[in-house]
Amino acid sequence: MPGFLLERPPSRQRRVIVTVTCDRCGEHVEGVSNDFGTSGFYYVGSGYWSLYGRPREVNVCNVCMLADPGFRHDFMLMPIAPVQVRDRLLGIDREHPVRGSRSG
């Protein structure tokens, strides 16, 4: 059935392999960029991921993003995990709160 075959994929399905420099660690990272987003790095210049970007950052590699405390809190911890598990993973010490913190 030739009517179902596409001669070339729509533009959204095309992938472009790019090499970017991470604005946090300075490493060169090879990744994929297309209309759906990126793979191998995060574009934090605008849009949703800018929540985790620092001033004047545009591209952040996966390693640096996974080390970001805000990203780890929002995406790597299960919301149903016990408080003790979340505190241990985030390095929160509720028995010895820091002066001025909201806990305690």
N, C-alpha and C. Protein backbone atom coordinates (compact mmCIF):
# COMPACT_ATOMS: atom_id res chain seq x y z
N MET A 1 0.83 -1.18 0.00
CA MET A 1 0.00 0.00 0.00
C MET A 1 0.88 1.25 0.00
N PRO A 2 1.15 1.81 -1.13
CA PRO A 2 2.03 2.96 -1.22
C PRO A 2 1.48 4.20 -0.53
N GLY A 3 0.18 4.29 -0.29
CA GLY A 3 -0.38 5.46 0.36
C GLY A 3 0.06 5.62 1.81
N PHE A 4 0.49 4.53 2.44
CA PHE A 4 0.90 4.58 3.83
C PHE A 4 2.39 4.82 4.02
N LEU A 5 3.16 4.75 2.96
CA LEU A 5 4.59 4.93 3.07
C LEU A 5 4.95 6.40 2.86
N LEU A 6 5.86 6.86 3.67
CA LEU A 6 6.33 8.23 3.50
C LEU A 6 7.66 8.20 2.76
N GLU A 7 7.80 9.08 1.79
CA GLU A 7 9.07 9.14 1.07
C GLU A 7 10.18 9.67 1.96
N ARG A 8 9.87 10.60 2.81
CA ARG A 8 10.84 11.09 3.78
C ARG A 8 10.09 11.41 5.07
N PRO A 9 10.73 11.25 6.20
CA PRO A 9 10.02 11.47 7.46
C PRO A 9 9.68 12.95 7.66
N PRO A 10 8.62 13.23 8.41
CA PRO A 10 8.30 14.63 8.72
C PRO A 10 9.45 15.27 9.48
N SER A 11 9.52 16.59 9.46
CA SER A 11 10.65 17.29 10.06
C SER A 11 10.78 17.00 11.55
N ARG A 12 9.68 16.72 12.24
CA ARG A 12 9.75 16.46 13.67
C ARG A 12 10.50 15.17 13.97
N GLN A 13 10.58 14.29 13.00
CA GLN A 13 11.22 13.01 13.23
C GLN A 13 12.70 13.04 12.87
N ARG A 14 13.16 14.10 12.27
CA ARG A 14 14.58 14.18 11.92
C ARG A 14 15.39 14.47 13.17
N ARG A 15 16.53 13.83 13.25
CA ARG A 15 17.42 14.09 14.38
C ARG A 15 18.67 14.77 13.86
N VAL A 16 19.16 15.66 14.64
CA VAL A 16 20.41 16.33 14.32
C VAL A 16 21.38 16.03 15.45
N ILE A 17 22.50 15.43 15.11
CA ILE A 17 23.51 15.16 16.12
C ILE A 17 24.36 16.42 16.26
N VAL A 18 24.45 16.91 17.49
CA VAL A 18 25.16 18.15 17.76
C VAL A 18 26.21 17.91 18.84
N THR A 19 27.20 18.76 18.86
CA THR A 19 28.19 18.78 19.93
C THR A 19 28.10 20.13 20.61
N VAL A 20 27.83 20.11 21.90
CA VAL A 20 27.70 21.35 22.66
C VAL A 20 28.72 21.34 23.80
N THR A 21 28.97 22.50 24.34
CA THR A 21 29.84 22.63 25.50
C THR A 21 28.97 22.91 26.71
N CYS A 22 29.13 22.10 27.74
CA CYS A 22 28.37 22.29 28.97
C CYS A 22 28.83 23.59 29.63
N ASP A 23 27.88 24.44 29.97
CA ASP A 23 28.20 25.72 30.58
C ASP A 23 28.59 25.60 32.05
N ARG A 24 28.40 24.43 32.65
CA ARG A 24 28.80 24.24 34.05
C ARG A 24 30.19 23.63 34.17
N CYS A 25 30.44 22.55 33.44
CA CYS A 25 31.72 21.86 33.61
C CYS A 25 32.68 22.09 32.46
N GLY A 26 32.22 22.62 31.34
CA GLY A 26 33.08 22.91 30.20
C GLY A 26 33.36 21.72 29.30
N GLU A 27 32.77 20.56 29.60
CA GLU A 27 32.98 19.37 28.77
C GLU A 27 32.23 19.49 27.44
N HIS A 28 32.78 18.89 26.39
CA HIS A 28 32.09 18.80 25.11
C HIS A 28 31.20 17.57 25.15
N VAL A 29 29.94 17.74 24.82
CA VAL A 29 28.96 16.67 24.91
C VAL A 29 28.31 16.49 23.55
N GLU A 30 28.25 15.25 23.09
CA GLU A 30 27.55 14.95 21.85
C GLU A 30 26.14 14.53 22.20
N GLY A 31 25.17 15.10 21.53
CA GLY A 31 23.78 14.79 21.81
C GLY A 31 22.93 14.92 20.57
N VAL A 32 21.65 14.75 20.77
CA VAL A 32 20.68 14.80 19.68
C VAL A 32 19.72 15.95 19.96
N SER A 33 19.37 16.67 18.92
CA SER A 33 18.42 17.76 19.05
C SER A 33 17.40 17.64 17.93
N ASN A 34 16.13 17.76 18.28
CA ASN A 34 15.06 17.79 17.27
C ASN A 34 13.91 18.63 17.80
N ASP A 35 12.78 18.61 17.10
CA ASP A 35 11.64 19.43 17.50
C ASP A 35 11.05 19.02 18.84
N PHE A 36 11.30 17.78 19.27
CA PHE A 36 10.75 17.30 20.53
C PHE A 36 11.61 17.69 21.72
N GLY A 37 12.88 17.97 21.50
CA GLY A 37 13.76 18.32 22.60
C GLY A 37 15.19 17.88 22.32
N THR A 38 15.90 17.59 23.40
CA THR A 38 17.30 17.22 23.28
C THR A 38 17.54 15.91 24.02
N SER A 39 18.66 15.29 23.71
CA SER A 39 19.10 14.09 24.40
C SER A 39 20.61 14.20 24.59
N GLY A 40 21.08 13.95 25.81
CA GLY A 40 22.50 14.06 26.10
C GLY A 40 22.85 15.36 26.79
N PHE A 41 21.97 16.33 26.70
CA PHE A 41 22.17 17.61 27.37
C PHE A 41 20.81 18.28 27.53
N TYR A 42 20.76 19.29 28.37
CA TYR A 42 19.54 20.05 28.60
C TYR A 42 19.75 21.47 28.10
N TYR A 43 18.77 21.97 27.35
CA TYR A 43 18.79 23.36 26.92
C TYR A 43 18.07 24.15 28.00
N VAL A 44 18.83 24.93 28.78
CA VAL A 44 18.26 25.66 29.90
C VAL A 44 18.16 27.16 29.63
N GLY A 45 18.36 27.55 28.37
CA GLY A 45 18.31 28.96 28.02
C GLY A 45 16.92 29.55 28.13
N SER A 46 15.90 28.76 27.89
CA SER A 46 14.51 29.21 28.03
C SER A 46 13.63 27.98 28.12
N GLY A 47 12.38 28.17 28.40
CA GLY A 47 11.45 27.05 28.49
C GLY A 47 11.49 26.38 29.84
N TYR A 48 10.97 25.16 29.89
CA TYR A 48 10.79 24.45 31.16
C TYR A 48 12.11 24.24 31.90
N TRP A 49 13.14 23.77 31.21
CA TRP A 49 14.39 23.44 31.89
C TRP A 49 15.12 24.67 32.42
N SER A 50 14.70 25.86 32.05
CA SER A 50 15.35 27.07 32.58
C SER A 50 15.14 27.20 34.09
N LEU A 51 14.18 26.45 34.64
CA LEU A 51 13.99 26.43 36.08
C LEU A 51 15.24 25.95 36.80
N TYR A 52 16.03 25.11 36.13
CA TYR A 52 17.21 24.52 36.74
C TYR A 52 18.51 25.14 36.23
N GLY A 53 18.40 26.13 35.36
CA GLY A 53 19.58 26.79 34.83
C GLY A 53 20.05 27.91 35.74
N ARG A 54 21.32 28.18 35.68
CA ARG A 54 21.91 29.30 36.41
C ARG A 54 22.02 30.48 35.45
N PRO A 55 22.27 31.67 35.97
CA PRO A 55 22.39 32.83 35.07
C PRO A 55 23.46 32.60 34.00
N ARG A 56 23.15 32.99 32.79
CA ARG A 56 24.02 32.92 31.61
C ARG A 56 24.34 31.48 31.17
N GLU A 57 23.56 30.50 31.60
CA GLU A 57 23.75 29.13 31.13
C GLU A 57 22.78 28.86 29.98
N VAL A 58 23.23 28.10 29.01
CA VAL A 58 22.36 27.72 27.90
C VAL A 58 22.27 26.20 27.79
N ASN A 59 23.42 25.52 27.80
CA ASN A 59 23.44 24.06 27.69
C ASN A 59 24.08 23.46 28.93
N VAL A 60 23.43 22.43 29.49
CA VAL A 60 23.95 21.73 30.66
C VAL A 60 23.93 20.24 30.36
N CYS A 61 25.07 19.57 30.57
CA CYS A 61 25.14 18.14 30.28
C CYS A 61 24.33 17.33 31.30
N ASN A 62 24.06 16.07 30.95
CA ASN A 62 23.29 15.20 31.85
C ASN A 62 23.95 15.05 33.20
N VAL A 63 25.27 14.90 33.23
CA VAL A 63 25.98 14.68 34.50
C VAL A 63 25.79 15.87 35.43
N CYS A 64 25.95 17.07 34.92
CA CYS A 64 25.78 18.27 35.75
C CYS A 64 24.33 18.44 36.19
N MET A 65 23.40 18.14 35.30
CA MET A 65 21.99 18.30 35.66
C MET A 65 21.59 17.29 36.73
N LEU A 66 22.11 16.07 36.64
CA LEU A 66 21.79 15.07 37.65
C LEU A 66 22.40 15.41 39.00
N ALA A 67 23.42 16.24 39.02
CA ALA A 67 24.05 16.66 40.27
C ALA A 67 23.36 17.88 40.87
N ASP A 68 22.47 18.52 40.13
CA ASP A 68 21.78 19.71 40.60
C ASP A 68 20.76 19.32 41.68
N PRO A 69 20.84 19.92 42.88
CA PRO A 69 19.93 19.54 43.96
C PRO A 69 18.46 19.74 43.63
N GLY A 70 18.11 20.81 42.96
CA GLY A 70 16.71 21.05 42.61
C GLY A 70 16.18 20.01 41.64
N PHE A 71 16.98 19.65 40.64
CA PHE A 71 16.59 18.63 39.67
C PHE A 71 16.45 17.28 40.37
N ARG A 72 17.42 16.95 41.22
CA ARG A 72 17.36 15.68 41.95
C ARG A 72 16.11 15.62 42.81
N HIS A 73 15.80 16.71 43.46
CA HIS A 73 14.62 16.73 44.32
C HIS A 73 13.34 16.50 43.51
N ASP A 74 13.24 17.17 42.37
CA ASP A 74 12.01 17.12 41.59
C ASP A 74 11.85 15.85 40.76
N PHE A 75 12.95 15.24 40.31
CA PHE A 75 12.83 14.14 39.36
C PHE A 75 13.40 12.81 39.82
N MET A 76 14.29 12.80 40.80
CA MET A 76 14.95 11.55 41.13
C MET A 76 14.46 10.94 42.44
N LEU A 77 13.69 11.66 43.21
CA LEU A 77 13.18 11.13 44.46
C LEU A 77 11.71 10.80 44.31
N MET A 78 11.35 9.63 44.79
CA MET A 78 9.94 9.26 44.71
C MET A 78 9.16 10.09 45.71
N PRO A 79 8.05 10.70 45.28
CA PRO A 79 7.27 11.52 46.21
C PRO A 79 6.68 10.71 47.35
N ILE A 80 6.57 9.38 47.19
CA ILE A 80 5.97 8.56 48.25
C ILE A 80 7.04 7.95 49.16
N ALA A 81 8.30 8.28 48.93
CA ALA A 81 9.37 7.76 49.78
C ALA A 81 9.22 8.33 51.19
N PRO A 82 9.59 7.56 52.20
CA PRO A 82 9.52 8.08 53.57
C PRO A 82 10.40 9.32 53.73
N VAL A 83 10.02 10.18 54.64
CA VAL A 83 10.74 11.43 54.86
C VAL A 83 12.20 11.16 55.19
N GLN A 84 12.47 10.12 55.96
CA GLN A 84 13.84 9.81 56.34
C GLN A 84 14.69 9.47 55.11
N VAL A 85 14.12 8.75 54.14
CA VAL A 85 14.85 8.39 52.92
C VAL A 85 15.14 9.65 52.11
N ARG A 86 14.13 10.50 51.93
CA ARG A 86 14.33 11.73 51.17
C ARG A 86 15.36 12.63 51.85
N ASP A 87 15.28 12.76 53.16
CA ASP A 87 16.25 13.59 53.87
C ASP A 87 17.66 13.06 53.71
N ARG A 88 17.83 11.74 53.80
CA ARG A 88 19.17 11.15 53.66
C ARG A 88 19.71 11.39 52.26
N LEU A 89 18.86 11.21 51.23
CA LEU A 89 19.31 11.40 49.86
C LEU A 89 19.64 12.86 49.55
N LEU A 90 18.92 13.78 50.18
CA LEU A 90 19.15 15.20 49.94
C LEU A 90 20.16 15.80 50.91
N GLY A 91 20.59 15.02 51.90
CA GLY A 91 21.56 15.53 52.86
C GLY A 91 20.96 16.49 53.88
N ILE A 92 19.69 16.30 54.22
CA ILE A 92 19.02 17.17 55.18
C ILE A 92 19.16 16.57 56.58
N ASP A 93 19.62 17.36 57.52
CA ASP A 93 19.77 16.93 58.91
C ASP A 93 18.75 17.67 59.75
N ARG A 94 17.64 17.02 60.06
CA ARG A 94 16.57 17.68 60.82
C ARG A 94 16.88 17.77 62.30
N GLU A 95 17.80 16.96 62.80
CA GLU A 95 18.16 17.02 64.22
C GLU A 95 19.06 18.22 64.51
N HIS A 96 19.80 18.69 63.50
CA HIS A 96 20.70 19.83 63.66
C HIS A 96 20.42 20.85 62.56
N PRO A 97 19.26 21.53 62.63
CA PRO A 97 18.91 22.47 61.56
C PRO A 97 19.86 23.67 61.53
N VAL A 98 20.01 24.23 60.36
CA VAL A 98 20.83 25.41 60.16
C VAL A 98 20.04 26.64 60.58
N ARG A 99 20.66 27.57 61.26
CA ARG A 99 19.97 28.78 61.70
C ARG A 99 19.38 29.50 60.49
N GLY A 100 18.11 29.86 60.59
CA GLY A 100 17.44 30.56 59.52
C GLY A 100 16.72 29.64 58.55
N SER A 101 16.86 28.33 58.71
CA SER A 101 16.18 27.42 57.80
C SER A 101 14.72 27.27 58.23
N ARG A 102 13.91 26.78 57.32
CA ARG A 102 12.48 26.63 57.62
C ARG A 102 12.22 25.39 58.45
N SER A 103 13.09 24.40 58.42
CA SER A 103 12.85 23.19 59.19
C SER A 103 13.22 23.43 60.65
N GLY A 104 12.51 22.78 61.52
CA GLY A 104 12.86 22.85 62.94
C GLY A 104 12.15 23.84 63.71
